[in-house]
N, C-alpha and C. Protein backbone atom coordinates (compact mmCIF):
# COMPACT_ATOMS: atom_id res chain seq x y z
N ARG A 1 -4.84 0.40 2.32
CA ARG A 1 -5.72 0.17 1.20
C ARG A 1 -5.13 0.85 -0.03
N PHE A 2 -5.16 0.13 -1.12
CA PHE A 2 -4.69 0.65 -2.40
C PHE A 2 -5.91 1.06 -3.20
N THR A 3 -5.91 2.29 -3.67
CA THR A 3 -7.01 2.78 -4.49
C THR A 3 -6.44 3.26 -5.82
N HIS A 4 -6.93 2.67 -6.89
CA HIS A 4 -6.53 3.05 -8.25
C HIS A 4 -7.69 3.86 -8.83
N ARG A 5 -7.39 5.07 -9.27
CA ARG A 5 -8.40 5.94 -9.85
C ARG A 5 -8.05 6.24 -11.31
N ASP A 6 -9.09 6.50 -12.11
CA ASP A 6 -8.84 6.90 -13.49
C ASP A 6 -8.61 8.41 -13.54
N VAL A 7 -8.46 8.95 -14.73
CA VAL A 7 -8.13 10.37 -14.88
C VAL A 7 -9.23 11.29 -14.39
N THR A 8 -10.46 10.79 -14.29
CA THR A 8 -11.56 11.62 -13.79
C THR A 8 -11.67 11.57 -12.27
N GLY A 9 -10.90 10.68 -11.66
CA GLY A 9 -10.96 10.53 -10.21
C GLY A 9 -11.87 9.41 -9.75
N ALA A 10 -12.52 8.74 -10.69
CA ALA A 10 -13.40 7.63 -10.33
C ALA A 10 -12.56 6.42 -9.91
N VAL A 11 -13.05 5.71 -8.90
CA VAL A 11 -12.34 4.53 -8.40
C VAL A 11 -12.45 3.40 -9.42
N VAL A 12 -11.29 2.88 -9.82
CA VAL A 12 -11.22 1.74 -10.73
C VAL A 12 -11.10 0.45 -9.92
N GLU A 13 -10.27 0.50 -8.89
CA GLU A 13 -10.03 -0.67 -8.05
C GLU A 13 -9.66 -0.19 -6.65
N GLN A 14 -10.12 -0.93 -5.66
CA GLN A 14 -9.77 -0.61 -4.28
C GLN A 14 -9.66 -1.92 -3.51
N ARG A 15 -8.52 -2.12 -2.85
CA ARG A 15 -8.36 -3.35 -2.07
C ARG A 15 -7.33 -3.15 -0.97
N ASP A 16 -7.42 -4.00 0.03
CA ASP A 16 -6.46 -3.99 1.13
C ASP A 16 -5.21 -4.74 0.68
N LEU A 17 -4.05 -4.23 1.07
CA LEU A 17 -2.79 -4.84 0.69
C LEU A 17 -2.15 -5.55 1.88
N SER A 18 -1.43 -6.63 1.59
CA SER A 18 -0.61 -7.28 2.61
C SER A 18 0.65 -6.42 2.79
N VAL A 19 1.44 -6.76 3.78
CA VAL A 19 2.69 -6.02 4.01
C VAL A 19 3.60 -6.14 2.78
N ASP A 20 3.70 -7.34 2.23
CA ASP A 20 4.54 -7.53 1.04
C ASP A 20 4.03 -6.73 -0.15
N GLU A 21 2.71 -6.72 -0.33
CA GLU A 21 2.12 -5.95 -1.44
C GLU A 21 2.31 -4.45 -1.25
N LEU A 22 2.17 -3.98 -0.01
CA LEU A 22 2.39 -2.56 0.27
C LEU A 22 3.83 -2.18 -0.02
N GLU A 23 4.76 -3.01 0.43
CA GLU A 23 6.18 -2.75 0.18
C GLU A 23 6.47 -2.70 -1.32
N ALA A 24 5.94 -3.66 -2.07
CA ALA A 24 6.16 -3.69 -3.52
C ALA A 24 5.53 -2.48 -4.20
N THR A 25 4.35 -2.07 -3.75
CA THR A 25 3.69 -0.90 -4.33
C THR A 25 4.49 0.37 -4.08
N LEU A 26 4.98 0.53 -2.87
CA LEU A 26 5.79 1.71 -2.56
C LEU A 26 7.05 1.76 -3.42
N ARG A 27 7.63 0.59 -3.65
CA ARG A 27 8.87 0.52 -4.42
C ARG A 27 8.61 0.66 -5.92
N GLU A 28 7.68 -0.16 -6.45
CA GLU A 28 7.51 -0.27 -7.89
C GLU A 28 6.58 0.78 -8.50
N VAL A 29 5.54 1.16 -7.79
CA VAL A 29 4.57 2.12 -8.34
C VAL A 29 4.94 3.55 -7.98
N ILE A 30 5.29 3.77 -6.72
CA ILE A 30 5.56 5.12 -6.24
C ILE A 30 7.04 5.48 -6.38
N GLY A 31 7.92 4.47 -6.41
CA GLY A 31 9.34 4.72 -6.62
C GLY A 31 10.14 5.04 -5.37
N LEU A 32 9.62 4.67 -4.20
CA LEU A 32 10.36 4.91 -2.96
C LEU A 32 11.41 3.83 -2.75
N PRO A 33 12.57 4.19 -2.23
CA PRO A 33 13.63 3.22 -1.96
C PRO A 33 13.38 2.50 -0.63
N VAL A 34 12.43 1.58 -0.60
CA VAL A 34 12.02 0.90 0.63
C VAL A 34 13.19 0.09 1.18
N GLU A 35 13.46 0.26 2.47
CA GLU A 35 14.54 -0.43 3.17
C GLU A 35 13.94 -1.45 4.14
N ALA A 36 14.75 -2.42 4.56
CA ALA A 36 14.30 -3.46 5.48
C ALA A 36 13.79 -2.89 6.81
N ASP A 37 14.38 -1.78 7.25
CA ASP A 37 13.95 -1.22 8.54
C ASP A 37 12.59 -0.52 8.46
N TRP A 38 12.00 -0.44 7.28
CA TRP A 38 10.64 0.10 7.13
C TRP A 38 9.60 -0.95 7.53
N ARG A 39 9.96 -2.21 7.51
CA ARG A 39 9.01 -3.32 7.69
C ARG A 39 8.14 -3.18 8.94
N PRO A 40 8.69 -2.89 10.12
CA PRO A 40 7.82 -2.75 11.30
C PRO A 40 6.75 -1.67 11.14
N VAL A 41 7.11 -0.58 10.49
CA VAL A 41 6.14 0.50 10.27
C VAL A 41 5.07 0.04 9.27
N LEU A 42 5.48 -0.63 8.21
CA LEU A 42 4.53 -1.13 7.22
C LEU A 42 3.58 -2.15 7.85
N GLU A 43 4.09 -2.99 8.75
CA GLU A 43 3.24 -3.95 9.46
C GLU A 43 2.19 -3.23 10.29
N LYS A 44 2.57 -2.15 10.95
CA LYS A 44 1.61 -1.37 11.74
C LYS A 44 0.56 -0.72 10.85
N VAL A 45 1.00 -0.19 9.72
CA VAL A 45 0.06 0.45 8.79
C VAL A 45 -0.97 -0.56 8.29
N VAL A 46 -0.51 -1.75 7.90
CA VAL A 46 -1.42 -2.78 7.41
C VAL A 46 -2.36 -3.24 8.52
N ALA A 47 -1.84 -3.44 9.73
CA ALA A 47 -2.69 -3.86 10.86
C ALA A 47 -3.73 -2.79 11.18
N TRP A 48 -3.33 -1.53 11.12
CA TRP A 48 -4.25 -0.43 11.42
C TRP A 48 -5.39 -0.37 10.40
N GLY A 49 -5.08 -0.69 9.15
CA GLY A 49 -6.08 -0.60 8.09
C GLY A 49 -6.93 -1.84 7.93
N THR A 50 -6.63 -2.91 8.66
CA THR A 50 -7.38 -4.15 8.55
C THR A 50 -8.63 -4.09 9.42
N PRO A 51 -9.80 -4.34 8.81
CA PRO A 51 -11.03 -4.31 9.62
C PRO A 51 -11.01 -5.37 10.72
N ALA A 52 -11.57 -5.05 11.86
CA ALA A 52 -11.59 -5.99 12.99
C ALA A 52 -12.69 -7.01 12.83
């Protein structure tokens, strides 16, 4: 889940991300050098966070 907060800590937006969106967020917003071998872990993270 991606949570965007303002400077006071209040939630501005909150939503579940797909694997592709999570990968893009880690790369573009957080600045991590995401590699292809991260994909299986990201898939598990997204599956774990998806409501049943």
